[in-house]
Amino acid sequence: MKMNKRLVSLRKEKGLSREELSIKLGVSYSTIAKYESGSREPDIEMIDKIANLFEVTTDYLLGRSDQPHLKEEEDFEAFQNDPTLERWYKELPKSTEEDLQRLRKMWEAFKEDI
C-alpha cells in the first residue's frame, strides 16, 4: 500500500479530519490533501512527524512493512543495524562496568519518562 493510502487510513482510524491533521502537523489543509492524493510526497522530517503522531513505524507509513509497530526483537534488530549507532554499539562491550552501570541508570530514567 502506498503512503498516501496509509495516511488516509490512519487519519480516518484516529477520527481526524484533514483540517485537524493539518493543524497537528503544522501544515496547510492543501498540503494534507496533496499528500493523501499522492500528488505530493512529504519530506523526511514530515514522514517522521506523521509516524510519531500515529505511533507507527516509518516503514509501515512508507509501505515497506505491513506491521505498524515493531515487535521488541525487530525493534532491537533495527537499533542494532542502525548505521548511526554502529560505532556506539560496537564500543559498548569495551566499556568498564562502572560505565555500564551509569548507562543502565540513564536508560532506566529514560524509560520512566516515556
PDB file of N, CA and C in Angstrom:
ATOM      1  N   MET A   1       0.853  -1.178   0.000  1.00  0.00           N
ATOM      2  CA  MET A   1       0.000   0.000   0.000  1.00  0.00           C
ATOM      3  C   MET A   1       0.896   1.238   0.000  1.00  0.00           C
ATOM      4  N   LYS A   2       0.564   2.185  -0.826  1.00  0.00           N
ATOM      5  CA  LYS A   2       1.343   3.419  -0.904  1.00  0.00           C
ATOM      6  C   LYS A   2       1.094   4.302   0.314  1.00  0.00           C
ATOM      7  N   MET A   3       2.061   5.184   0.550  1.00  0.00           N
ATOM      8  CA  MET A   3       1.991   6.035   1.727  1.00  0.00           C
ATOM      9  C   MET A   3       0.724   6.889   1.757  1.00  0.00           C
ATOM     10  N   ASN A   4       0.317   7.410   0.620  1.00  0.00           N
ATOM     11  CA  ASN A   4      -0.866   8.278   0.631  1.00  0.00           C
ATOM     12  C   ASN A   4      -2.103   7.520   1.141  1.00  0.00           C
ATOM     13  N   LYS A   5      -2.226   6.257   0.765  1.00  0.00           N
ATOM     14  CA  LYS A   5      -3.375   5.469   1.223  1.00  0.00           C
ATOM     15  C   LYS A   5      -3.247   5.141   2.717  1.00  0.00           C
ATOM     16  N   ARG A   6      -2.022   4.890   3.163  1.00  0.00           N
ATOM     17  CA  ARG A   6      -1.803   4.636   4.594  1.00  0.00           C
ATOM     18  C   ARG A   6      -2.148   5.877   5.402  1.00  0.00           C
ATOM     19  N   LEU A   7      -1.779   7.046   4.893  1.00  0.00           N
ATOM     20  CA  LEU A   7      -2.072   8.287   5.594  1.00  0.00           C
ATOM     21  C   LEU A   7      -3.580   8.490   5.729  1.00  0.00           C
ATOM     22  N   VAL A   8      -4.301   8.274   4.651  1.00  0.00           N
ATOM     23  CA  VAL A   8      -5.764   8.405   4.695  1.00  0.00           C
ATOM     24  C   VAL A   8      -6.338   7.436   5.724  1.00  0.00           C
ATOM     25  N   SER A   9      -5.897   6.189   5.666  1.00  0.00           N
ATOM     26  CA  SER A   9      -6.391   5.159   6.567  1.00  0.00           C
ATOM     27  C   SER A   9      -6.094   5.503   8.028  1.00  0.00           C
ATOM     28  N   LEU A  10      -4.875   5.915   8.311  1.00  0.00           N
ATOM     29  CA  LEU A  10      -4.511   6.267   9.686  1.00  0.00           C
ATOM     30  C   LEU A  10      -5.301   7.473  10.184  1.00  0.00           C
ATOM     31  N   ARG A  11      -5.470   8.465   9.311  1.00  0.00           N
ATOM     32  CA  ARG A  11      -6.226   9.662   9.699  1.00  0.00           C
ATOM     33  C   ARG A  11      -7.657   9.292  10.055  1.00  0.00           C
ATOM     34  N   LYS A  12      -8.265   8.444   9.222  1.00  0.00           N
ATOM     35  CA  LYS A  12      -9.649   8.045   9.468  1.00  0.00           C
ATOM     36  C   LYS A  12      -9.774   7.170  10.715  1.00  0.00           C
ATOM     37  N   GLU A  13      -8.800   6.290  10.935  1.00  0.00           N
ATOM     38  CA  GLU A  13      -8.806   5.450  12.141  1.00  0.00           C
ATOM     39  C   GLU A  13      -8.792   6.299  13.404  1.00  0.00           C
ATOM     40  N   LYS A  14      -8.075   7.403  13.370  1.00  0.00           N
ATOM     41  CA  LYS A  14      -7.997   8.310  14.528  1.00  0.00           C
ATOM     42  C   LYS A  14      -9.177   9.270  14.583  1.00  0.00           C
ATOM     43  N   GLY A  15     -10.031   9.234  13.557  1.00  0.00           N
ATOM     44  CA  GLY A  15     -11.198  10.119  13.537  1.00  0.00           C
ATOM     45  C   GLY A  15     -10.851  11.572  13.310  1.00  0.00           C
ATOM     46  N   LEU A  16      -9.764  11.807  12.571  1.00  0.00           N
ATOM     47  CA  LEU A  16      -9.337  13.177  12.303  1.00  0.00           C
ATOM     48  C   LEU A  16      -9.793  13.634  10.924  1.00  0.00           C
ATOM     49  N   SER A  17     -10.174  14.892  10.833  1.00  0.00           N
ATOM     50  CA  SER A  17     -10.442  15.490   9.531  1.00  0.00           C
ATOM     51  C   SER A  17      -9.103  15.934   8.935  1.00  0.00           C
ATOM     52  N   ARG A  18      -9.100  16.267   7.665  1.00  0.00           N
ATOM     53  CA  ARG A  18      -7.872  16.799   7.059  1.00  0.00           C
ATOM     54  C   ARG A  18      -7.446  18.083   7.760  1.00  0.00           C
ATOM     55  N   GLU A  19      -8.414  18.892   8.107  1.00  0.00           N
ATOM     56  CA  GLU A  19      -8.127  20.155   8.796  1.00  0.00           C
ATOM     57  C   GLU A  19      -7.456  19.893  10.142  1.00  0.00           C
ATOM     58  N   GLU A  20      -8.007  18.961  10.912  1.00  0.00           N
ATOM     59  CA  GLU A  20      -7.419  18.641  12.215  1.00  0.00           C
ATOM     60  C   GLU A  20      -5.999  18.096  12.063  1.00  0.00           C
ATOM     61  N   LEU A  21      -5.797  17.240  11.061  1.00  0.00           N
ATOM     62  CA  LEU A  21      -4.469  16.687  10.822  1.00  0.00           C
ATOM     63  C   LEU A  21      -3.496  17.785  10.411  1.00  0.00           C
ATOM     64  N   SER A  22      -3.949  18.693   9.586  1.00  0.00           N
ATOM     65  CA  SER A  22      -3.067  19.786   9.151  1.00  0.00           C
ATOM     66  C   SER A  22      -2.620  20.633  10.337  1.00  0.00           C
ATOM     67  N   ILE A  23      -3.504  20.858  11.277  1.00  0.00           N
ATOM     68  CA  ILE A  23      -3.165  21.638  12.473  1.00  0.00           C
ATOM     69  C   ILE A  23      -2.149  20.876  13.328  1.00  0.00           C
ATOM     70  N   LYS A  24      -2.390  19.583  13.535  1.00  0.00           N
ATOM     71  CA  LYS A  24      -1.476  18.777  14.353  1.00  0.00           C
ATOM     72  C   LYS A  24      -0.083  18.703  13.744  1.00  0.00           C
ATOM     73  N   LEU A  25      -0.008  18.693  12.400  1.00  0.00           N
ATOM     74  CA  LEU A  25       1.285  18.582  11.728  1.00  0.00           C
ATOM     75  C   LEU A  25       1.895  19.935  11.386  1.00  0.00           C
ATOM     76  N   GLY A  26       1.126  20.996  11.549  1.00  0.00           N
ATOM     77  CA  GLY A  26       1.646  22.333  11.275  1.00  0.00           C
ATOM     78  C   GLY A  26       1.819  22.631   9.800  1.00  0.00           C
ATOM     79  N   VAL A  27       0.913  22.083   8.982  1.00  0.00           N
ATOM     80  CA  VAL A  27       0.940  22.344   7.540  1.00  0.00           C
ATOM     81  C   VAL A  27      -0.459  22.759   7.102  1.00  0.00           C
ATOM     82  N   SER A  28      -0.579  23.190   5.869  1.00  0.00           N
ATOM     83  CA  SER A  28      -1.881  23.638   5.368  1.00  0.00           C
ATOM     84  C   SER A  28      -2.777  22.441   5.019  1.00  0.00           C
ATOM     85  N   TYR A  29      -4.057  22.738   4.962  1.00  0.00           N
ATOM     86  CA  TYR A  29      -5.048  21.740   4.542  1.00  0.00           C
ATOM     87  C   TYR A  29      -4.701  21.213   3.152  1.00  0.00           C
ATOM     88  N   SER A  30      -4.298  22.115   2.257  1.00  0.00           N
ATOM     89  CA  SER A  30      -4.000  21.695   0.882  1.00  0.00           C
ATOM     90  C   SER A  30      -2.785  20.762   0.832  1.00  0.00           C
ATOM     91  N   THR A  31      -1.836  20.952   1.740  1.00  0.00           N
ATOM     92  CA  THR A  31      -0.677  20.052   1.794  1.00  0.00           C
ATOM     93  C   THR A  31      -1.130  18.649   2.168  1.00  0.00           C
ATOM     94  N   ILE A  32      -2.004  18.538   3.155  1.00  0.00           N
ATOM     95  CA  ILE A  32      -2.539  17.228   3.542  1.00  0.00           C
ATOM     96  C   ILE A  32      -3.295  16.612   2.368  1.00  0.00           C
ATOM     97  N   ALA A  33      -4.108  17.412   1.696  1.00  0.00           N
ATOM     98  CA  ALA A  33      -4.864  16.909   0.540  1.00  0.00           C
ATOM     99  C   ALA A  33      -3.912  16.375  -0.532  1.00  0.00           C
ATOM    100  N   LYS A  34      -2.814  17.067  -0.760  1.00  0.00           N
ATOM    101  CA  LYS A  34      -1.840  16.618  -1.762  1.00  0.00           C
ATOM    102  C   LYS A  34      -1.124  15.346  -1.309  1.00  0.00           C
ATOM    103  N   TYR A  35      -0.782  15.254  -0.019  1.00  0.00           N
ATOM    104  CA  TYR A  35      -0.172  14.026   0.497  1.00  0.00           C
ATOM    105  C   TYR A  35      -1.121  12.848   0.281  1.00  0.00           C
ATOM    106  N   GLU A  36      -2.386  13.074   0.606  1.00  0.00           N
ATOM    107  CA  GLU A  36      -3.365  11.989   0.518  1.00  0.00           C
ATOM    108  C   GLU A  36      -3.700  11.609  -0.917  1.00  0.00           C
ATOM    109  N   SER A  37      -3.625  12.546  -1.830  1.00  0.00           N
ATOM    110  CA  SER A  37      -3.908  12.223  -3.234  1.00  0.00           C
ATOM    111  C   SER A  37      -2.689  11.614  -3.924  1.00  0.00           C
ATOM    112  N   GLY A  38      -1.535  11.773  -3.303  1.00  0.00           N
ATOM    113  CA  GLY A  38      -0.306  11.249  -3.886  1.00  0.00           C
ATOM    114  C   GLY A  38       0.360  12.202  -4.849  1.00  0.00           C
ATOM    115  N   SER A  39      -0.144  13.421  -4.943  1.00  0.00           N
ATOM    116  CA  SER A  39       0.457  14.388  -5.864  1.00  0.00           C
ATOM    117  C   SER A  39       1.656  15.105  -5.253  1.00  0.00           C
ATOM    118  N   ARG A  40       1.843  14.909  -3.946  1.00  0.00           N
ATOM    119  CA  ARG A  40       3.000  15.483  -3.261  1.00  0.00           C
ATOM    120  C   ARG A  40       3.466  14.505  -2.195  1.00  0.00           C
ATOM    121  N   GLU A  41       4.785  14.380  -2.056  1.00  0.00           N
ATOM    122  CA  GLU A  41       5.366  13.499  -1.050  1.00  0.00           C
ATOM    123  C   GLU A  41       5.923  14.345   0.101  1.00  0.00           C
ATOM    124  N   PRO A  42       5.692  13.923   1.336  1.00  0.00           N
ATOM    125  CA  PRO A  42       6.276  14.661   2.463  1.00  0.00           C
ATOM    126  C   PRO A  42       7.780  14.441   2.526  1.00  0.00           C
ATOM    127  N   ASP A  43       8.497  15.412   3.085  1.00  0.00           N
ATOM    128  CA  ASP A  43       9.945  15.241   3.260  1.00  0.00           C
ATOM    129  C   ASP A  43      10.200  14.320   4.452  1.00  0.00           C
ATOM    130  N   ILE A  44      11.452  14.004   4.676  1.00  0.00           N
ATOM    131  CA  ILE A  44      11.820  13.042   5.720  1.00  0.00           C
ATOM    132  C   ILE A  44      11.345  13.494   7.095  1.00  0.00           C
ATOM    133  N   GLU A  45      11.518  14.771   7.403  1.00  0.00           N
ATOM    134  CA  GLU A  45      11.083  15.277   8.707  1.00  0.00           C
ATOM    135  C   GLU A  45       9.581  15.120   8.892  1.00  0.00           C
ATOM    136  N   MET A  46       8.818  15.381   7.829  1.00  0.00           N
ATOM    137  CA  MET A  46       7.365  15.254   7.920  1.00  0.00           C
ATOM    138  C   MET A  46       6.952  13.787   8.041  1.00  0.00           C
ATOM    139  N   ILE A  47       7.640  12.903   7.344  1.00  0.00           N
ATOM    140  CA  ILE A  47       7.337  11.469   7.462  1.00  0.00           C
ATOM    141  C   ILE A  47       7.531  11.037   8.909  1.00  0.00           C
ATOM    142  N   ASP A  48       8.608  11.487   9.524  1.00  0.00           N
ATOM    143  CA  ASP A  48       8.875  11.160  10.920  1.00  0.00           C
ATOM    144  C   ASP A  48       7.788  11.724  11.827  1.00  0.00           C
ATOM    145  N   LYS A  49       7.373  12.955  11.560  1.00  0.00           N
ATOM    146  CA  LYS A  49       6.324  13.604  12.348  1.00  0.00           C
ATOM    147  C   LYS A  49       4.999  12.831  12.235  1.00  0.00           C
ATOM    148  N   ILE A  50       4.667  12.417  11.026  1.00  0.00           N
ATOM    149  CA  ILE A  50       3.426  11.666  10.797  1.00  0.00           C
ATOM    150  C   ILE A  50       3.490  10.319  11.520  1.00  0.00           C
ATOM    151  N   ALA A  51       4.622   9.631  11.383  1.00  0.00           N
ATOM    152  CA  ALA A  51       4.787   8.337  12.048  1.00  0.00           C
ATOM    153  C   ALA A  51       4.659   8.481  13.563  1.00  0.00           C
ATOM    154  N   ASN A  52       5.269   9.509  14.119  1.00  0.00           N
ATOM    155  CA  ASN A  52       5.174   9.743  15.561  1.00  0.00           C
ATOM    156  C   ASN A  52       3.748  10.075  15.984  1.00  0.00           C
ATOM    157  N   LEU A  53       3.077  10.894  15.209  1.00  0.00           N
ATOM    158  CA  LEU A  53       1.698  11.266  15.536  1.00  0.00           C
ATOM    159  C   LEU A  53       0.787  10.040  15.601  1.00  0.00           C
ATOM    160  N   PHE A  54       0.931   9.148  14.619  1.00  0.00           N
ATOM    161  CA  PHE A  54       0.073   7.975  14.551  1.00  0.00           C
ATOM    162  C   PHE A  54       0.659   6.758  15.270  1.00  0.00           C
ATOM    163  N   GLU A  55       1.854   6.949  15.848  1.00  0.00           N
ATOM    164  CA  GLU A  55       2.528   5.887  16.603  1.00  0.00           C
ATOM    165  C   GLU A  55       2.715   4.627  15.769  1.00  0.00           C
ATOM    166  N   VAL A  56       3.249   4.828  14.555  1.00  0.00           N
ATOM    167  CA  VAL A  56       3.579   3.723  13.659  1.00  0.00           C
ATOM    168  C   VAL A  56       5.029   3.889  13.209  1.00  0.00           C
ATOM    169  N   THR A  57       5.571   2.849  12.630  1.00  0.00           N
ATOM    170  CA  THR A  57       6.936   2.950  12.120  1.00  0.00           C
ATOM    171  C   THR A  57       6.923   3.679  10.786  1.00  0.00           C
ATOM    172  N   THR A  58       8.044   4.270  10.450  1.00  0.00           N
ATOM    173  CA  THR A  58       8.144   4.923   9.144  1.00  0.00           C
ATOM    174  C   THR A  58       8.076   3.878   8.029  1.00  0.00           C
ATOM    175  N   ASP A  59       8.592   2.670   8.275  1.00  0.00           N
ATOM    176  CA  ASP A  59       8.493   1.603   7.271  1.00  0.00           C
ATOM    177  C   ASP A  59       7.035   1.279   6.978  1.00  0.00           C
ATOM    178  N   TYR A  60       6.203   1.235   7.999  1.00  0.00           N
ATOM    179  CA  TYR A  60       4.774   0.987   7.786  1.00  0.00           C
ATOM    180  C   TYR A  60       4.166   2.125   6.981  1.00  0.00           C
ATOM    181  N   LEU A  61       4.467   3.331   7.374  1.00  0.00           N
ATOM    182  CA  LEU A  61       3.922   4.502   6.693  1.00  0.00           C
ATOM    183  C   LEU A  61       4.314   4.519   5.214  1.00  0.00           C
ATOM    184  N   LEU A  62       5.553   4.139   4.931  1.00  0.00           N
ATOM    185  CA  LEU A  62       6.056   4.152   3.553  1.00  0.00           C
ATOM    186  C   LEU A  62       5.639   2.921   2.749  1.00  0.00           C
ATOM    187  N   GLY A  63       4.977   1.966   3.398  1.00  0.00           N
ATOM    188  CA  GLY A  63       4.537   0.770   2.692  1.00  0.00           C
ATOM    189  C   GLY A  63       5.608  -0.309   2.589  1.00  0.00           C
ATOM    190  N   ARG A  64       6.696  -0.152   3.337  1.00  0.00           N
ATOM    191  CA  ARG A  64       7.763  -1.148   3.294  1.00  0.00           C
ATOM    192  C   ARG A  64       7.510  -2.297   4.261  1.00  0.00           C
ATOM    193  N   SER A  65       6.523  -2.142   5.127  1.00  0.00           N
ATOM    194  CA  SER A  65       6.149  -3.166   6.092  1.00  0.00           C
ATOM    195  C   SER A  65       4.644  -3.105   6.288  1.00  0.00           C
ATOM    196  N   ASP A  66       4.057  -4.249   6.558  1.00  0.00           N
ATOM    197  CA  ASP A  66       2.630  -4.274   6.855  1.00  0.00           C
ATOM    198  C   ASP A  66       2.368  -4.299   8.360  1.00  0.00           C
ATOM    199  N   GLN A  67       3.440  -4.239   9.144  1.00  0.00           N
ATOM    200  CA  GLN A  67       3.326  -4.220  10.599  1.00  0.00           C
ATOM    201  C   GLN A  67       3.464  -2.773  11.084  1.00  0.00           C
ATOM    202  N   PRO A  68       2.409  -2.194  11.632  1.00  0.00           N
ATOM    203  CA  PRO A  68       2.507  -0.794  12.064  1.00  0.00           C
ATOM    204  C   PRO A  68       3.480  -0.580  13.219  1.00  0.00           C
ATOM    205  N   HIS A  69       3.689  -1.609  14.024  1.00  0.00           N
ATOM    206  CA  HIS A  69       4.572  -1.487  15.182  1.00  0.00           C
ATOM    207  C   HIS A  69       5.591  -2.610  15.115  1.00  0.00           C
ATOM    208  N   LEU A  70       6.814  -2.299  15.482  1.00  0.00           N
ATOM    209  CA  LEU A  70       7.853  -3.322  15.534  1.00  0.00           C
ATOM    210  C   LEU A  70       7.687  -4.159  16.796  1.00  0.00           C
ATOM    211  N   LYS A  71       7.928  -5.442  16.656  1.00  0.00           N
ATOM    212  CA  LYS A  71       7.994  -6.290  17.843  1.00  0.00           C
ATOM    213  C   LYS A  71       9.304  -5.960  18.539  1.00  0.00           C
ATOM    214  N   GLU A  72       9.412  -6.316  19.803  1.00  0.00           N
ATOM    215  CA  GLU A  72      10.598  -5.968  20.576  1.00  0.00           C
ATOM    216  C   GLU A  72      11.877  -6.462  19.905  1.00  0.00           C
ATOM    217  N   GLU A  73      11.848  -7.691  19.375  1.00  0.00           N
ATOM    218  CA  GLU A  73      13.037  -8.233  18.734  1.00  0.00           C
ATOM    219  C   GLU A  73      13.380  -7.452  17.456  1.00  0.00           C
ATOM    220  N   GLU A  74      12.343  -7.105  16.687  1.00  0.00           N
ATOM    221  CA  GLU A  74      12.562  -6.342  15.458  1.00  0.00           C
ATOM    222  C   GLU A  74      13.067  -4.937  15.782  1.00  0.00           C
ATOM    223  N   ASP A  75      12.532  -4.373  16.851  1.00  0.00           N
ATOM    224  CA  ASP A  75      12.956  -3.049  17.275  1.00  0.00           C
ATOM    225  C   ASP A  75      14.434  -3.069  17.651  1.00  0.00           C
ATOM    226  N   PHE A  76      14.846  -4.094  18.402  1.00  0.00           N
ATOM    227  CA  PHE A  76      16.248  -4.208  18.777  1.00  0.00           C
ATOM    228  C   PHE A  76      17.122  -4.436  17.550  1.00  0.00           C
ATOM    229  N   GLU A  77      16.646  -5.266  16.627  1.00  0.00           N
ATOM    230  CA  GLU A  77      17.417  -5.515  15.407  1.00  0.00           C
ATOM    231  C   GLU A  77      17.577  -4.232  14.602  1.00  0.00           C
ATOM    232  N   ALA A  78      16.530  -3.445  14.506  1.00  0.00           N
ATOM    233  CA  ALA A  78      16.616  -2.167  13.795  1.00  0.00           C
ATOM    234  C   ALA A  78      17.622  -1.249  14.483  1.00  0.00           C
ATOM    235  N   PHE A  79      17.583  -1.238  15.809  1.00  0.00           N
ATOM    236  CA  PHE A  79      18.546  -0.448  16.579  1.00  0.00           C
ATOM    237  C   PHE A  79      19.965  -0.943  16.313  1.00  0.00           C
ATOM    238  N   GLN A  80      20.139  -2.244  16.372  1.00  0.00           N
ATOM    239  CA  GLN A  80      21.450  -2.850  16.202  1.00  0.00           C
ATOM    240  C   GLN A  80      22.030  -2.579  14.814  1.00  0.00           C
ATOM    241  N   ASN A  81      21.174  -2.510  13.802  1.00  0.00           N
ATOM    242  CA  ASN A  81      21.630  -2.318  12.426  1.00  0.00           C
ATOM    243  C   ASN A  81      21.636  -0.864  11.980  1.00  0.00           C
ATOM    244  N   ASP A  82      21.307   0.047  12.878  1.00  0.00           N
ATOM    245  CA  ASP A  82      21.295   1.468  12.545  1.00  0.00           C
ATOM    246  C   ASP A  82      22.734   1.955  12.370  1.00  0.00           C
ATOM    247  N   PRO A  83      23.106   2.369  11.152  1.00  0.00           N
ATOM    248  CA  PRO A  83      24.492   2.776  10.921  1.00  0.00           C
ATOM    249  C   PRO A  83      24.930   3.964  11.772  1.00  0.00           C
ATOM    250  N   THR A  84      24.001   4.801  12.188  1.00  0.00           N
ATOM    251  CA  THR A  84      24.381   5.952  13.010  1.00  0.00           C
ATOM    252  C   THR A  84      24.759   5.530  14.424  1.00  0.00           C
ATOM    253  N   LEU A  85      24.311   4.340  14.842  1.00  0.00           N
ATOM    254  CA  LEU A  85      24.624   3.848  16.182  1.00  0.00           C
ATOM    255  C   LEU A  85      25.711   2.780  16.173  1.00  0.00           C
ATOM    256  N   GLU A  86      26.155   2.399  14.991  1.00  0.00           N
ATOM    257  CA  GLU A  86      27.076   1.282  14.861  1.00  0.00           C
ATOM    258  C   GLU A  86      28.326   1.448  15.729  1.00  0.00           C
ATOM    259  N   ARG A  87      28.947   2.598  15.671  1.00  0.00           N
ATOM    260  CA  ARG A  87      30.174   2.816  16.443  1.00  0.00           C
ATOM    261  C   ARG A  87      29.897   2.677  17.933  1.00  0.00           C
ATOM    262  N   TRP A  88      28.843   3.307  18.403  1.00  0.00           N
ATOM    263  CA  TRP A  88      28.486   3.239  19.820  1.00  0.00           C
ATOM    264  C   TRP A  88      28.214   1.797  20.231  1.00  0.00           C
ATOM    265  N   TYR A  89      27.443   1.101  19.441  1.00  0.00           N
ATOM    266  CA  TYR A  89      27.058  -0.270  19.763  1.00  0.00           C
ATOM    267  C   TYR A  89      28.272  -1.196  19.794  1.00  0.00           C
ATOM    268  N   LYS A  90      29.187  -1.024  18.848  1.00  0.00           N
ATOM    269  CA  LYS A  90      30.375  -1.879  18.800  1.00  0.00           C
ATOM    270  C   LYS A  90      31.340  -1.580  19.939  1.00  0.00           C
ATOM    271  N   GLU A  91      31.356  -0.348  20.420  1.00  0.00           N
ATOM    272  CA  GLU A  91      32.256   0.024  21.507  1.00  0.00           C
ATOM    273  C   GLU A  91      31.679  -0.299  22.884  1.00  0.00           C
ATOM    274  N   LEU A  92      30.384  -0.533  22.963  1.00  0.00           N
ATOM    275  CA  LEU A  92      29.729  -0.802  24.246  1.00  0.00           C
ATOM    276  C   LEU A  92      30.381  -1.955  25.016  1.00  0.00           C
ATOM    277  N   PRO A  93      30.665  -3.088  24.398  1.00  0.00           N
ATOM    278  CA  PRO A  93      31.272  -4.181  25.157  1.00  0.00           C
ATOM    279  C   PRO A  93      32.652  -3.843  25.740  1.00  0.00           C
ATOM    280  N   LYS A  94      33.306  -2.839  25.214  1.00  0.00           N
ATOM    281  CA  LYS A  94      34.628  -2.444  25.711  1.00  0.00           C
ATOM    282  C   LYS A  94      34.521  -1.517  26.932  1.00  0.00           C
ATOM    283  N   SER A  95      33.306  -1.135  27.289  1.00  0.00           N
ATOM    284  CA  SER A  95      33.096  -0.206  28.400  1.00  0.00           C
ATOM    285  C   SER A  95      33.398  -0.873  29.738  1.00  0.00           C
ATOM    286  N   THR A  96      33.776  -0.044  30.698  1.00  0.00           N
ATOM    287  CA  THR A  96      34.015  -0.553  32.050  1.00  0.00           C
ATOM    288  C   THR A  96      32.676  -0.861  32.710  1.00  0.00           C
ATOM    289  N   GLU A  97      32.718  -1.660  33.753  1.00  0.00           N
ATOM    290  CA  GLU A  97      31.495  -1.995  34.482  1.00  0.00           C
ATOM    291  C   GLU A  97      30.851  -0.736  35.065  1.00  0.00           C
ATOM    292  N   GLU A  98      31.672   0.200  35.513  1.00  0.00           N
ATOM    293  CA  GLU A  98      31.166   1.463  36.053  1.00  0.00           C
ATOM    294  C   GLU A  98      30.396   2.244  34.977  1.00  0.00           C
ATOM    295  N   ASP A  99      30.939   2.305  33.767  1.00  0.00           N
ATOM    296  CA  ASP A  99      30.265   2.992  32.660  1.00  0.00           C
ATOM    297  C   ASP A  99      28.949   2.293  32.315  1.00  0.00           C
ATOM    298  N   LEU A 100      28.973   0.976  32.320  1.00  0.00           N
ATOM    299  CA  LEU A 100      27.752   0.220  32.013  1.00  0.00           C
ATOM    300  C   LEU A 100      26.686   0.468  33.067  1.00  0.00           C
ATOM    301  N   GLN A 101      27.079   0.564  34.332  1.00  0.00           N
ATOM    302  CA  GLN A 101      26.125   0.866  35.402  1.00  0.00           C
ATOM    303  C   GLN A 101      25.492   2.244  35.194  1.00  0.00           C
ATOM    304  N   ARG A 102      26.325   3.231  34.813  1.00  0.00           N
ATOM    305  CA  ARG A 102      25.793   4.577  34.543  1.00  0.00           C
ATOM    306  C   ARG A 102      24.819   4.553  33.376  1.00  0.00           C
ATOM    307  N   LEU A 103      25.182   3.809  32.325  1.00  0.00           N
ATOM    308  CA  LEU A 103      24.287   3.689  31.169  1.00  0.00           C
ATOM    309  C   LEU A 103      22.964   3.042  31.565  1.00  0.00           C
ATOM    310  N   ARG A 104      23.015   2.017  32.394  1.00  0.00           N
ATOM    311  CA  ARG A 104      21.782   1.363  32.851  1.00  0.00           C
ATOM    312  C   ARG A 104      20.898   2.348  33.611  1.00  0.00           C
ATOM    313  N   LYS A 105      21.515   3.143  34.488  1.00  0.00           N
ATOM    314  CA  LYS A 105      20.752   4.128  35.261  1.00  0.00           C
ATOM    315  C   LYS A 105      20.108   5.167  34.337  1.00  0.00           C
ATOM    316  N   MET A 106      20.880   5.613  33.340  1.00  0.00           N
ATOM    317  CA  MET A 106      20.321   6.581  32.379  1.00  0.00           C
ATOM    318  C   MET A 106      19.171   5.952  31.609  1.00  0.00           C
ATOM    319  N   TRP A 107      19.339   4.705  31.194  1.00  0.00           N
ATOM    320  CA  TRP A 107      18.294   4.022  30.436  1.00  0.00           C
ATOM    321  C   TRP A 107      17.032   3.871  31.286  1.00  0.00           C
ATOM    322  N   GLU A 108      17.184   3.481  32.551  1.00  0.00           N
ATOM    323  CA  GLU A 108      16.023   3.341  33.429  1.00  0.00           C
ATOM    324  C   GLU A 108      15.310   4.681  33.601  1.00  0.00           C
ATOM    325  N   ALA A 109      16.063   5.743  33.781  1.00  0.00           N
ATOM    326  CA  ALA A 109      15.467   7.075  33.913  1.00  0.00           C
ATOM    327  C   ALA A 109      14.744   7.470  32.626  1.00  0.00           C
ATOM    328  N   PHE A 110      15.345   7.157  31.494  1.00  0.00           N
ATOM    329  CA  PHE A 110      14.736   7.461  30.196  1.00  0.00           C
ATOM    330  C   PHE A 110      13.435   6.706  30.023  1.00  0.00           C
ATOM    331  N   LYS A 111      13.422   5.403  30.363  1.00  0.00           N
ATOM    332  CA  LYS A 111      12.214   4.582  30.215  1.00  0.00           C
ATOM    333  C   LYS A 111      11.082   5.120  31.071  1.00  0.00           C
ATOM    334  N   GLU A 112      11.405   5.649  32.261  1.00  0.00           N
ATOM    335  CA  GLU A 112      10.364   6.182  33.148  1.00  0.00           C
ATOM    336  C   GLU A 112       9.696   7.418  32.551  1.00  0.00           C
ATOM    337  N   ASP A 113      10.430   8.153  31.706  1.00  0.00           N
ATOM    338  CA  ASP A 113       9.886   9.366  31.078  1.00  0.00           C
ATOM    339  C   ASP A 113       9.015   9.067  29.875  1.00  0.00           C
ATOM    340  N   ILE A 114       9.086   7.861  29.369  1.00  0.00           N
ATOM    341  CA  ILE A 114       8.332   7.509  28.159  1.00  0.00           C
ATOM    342  C   ILE A 114       6.877   7.319  28.463  1.00  0.00           C
TER     343      ILE A 114
END
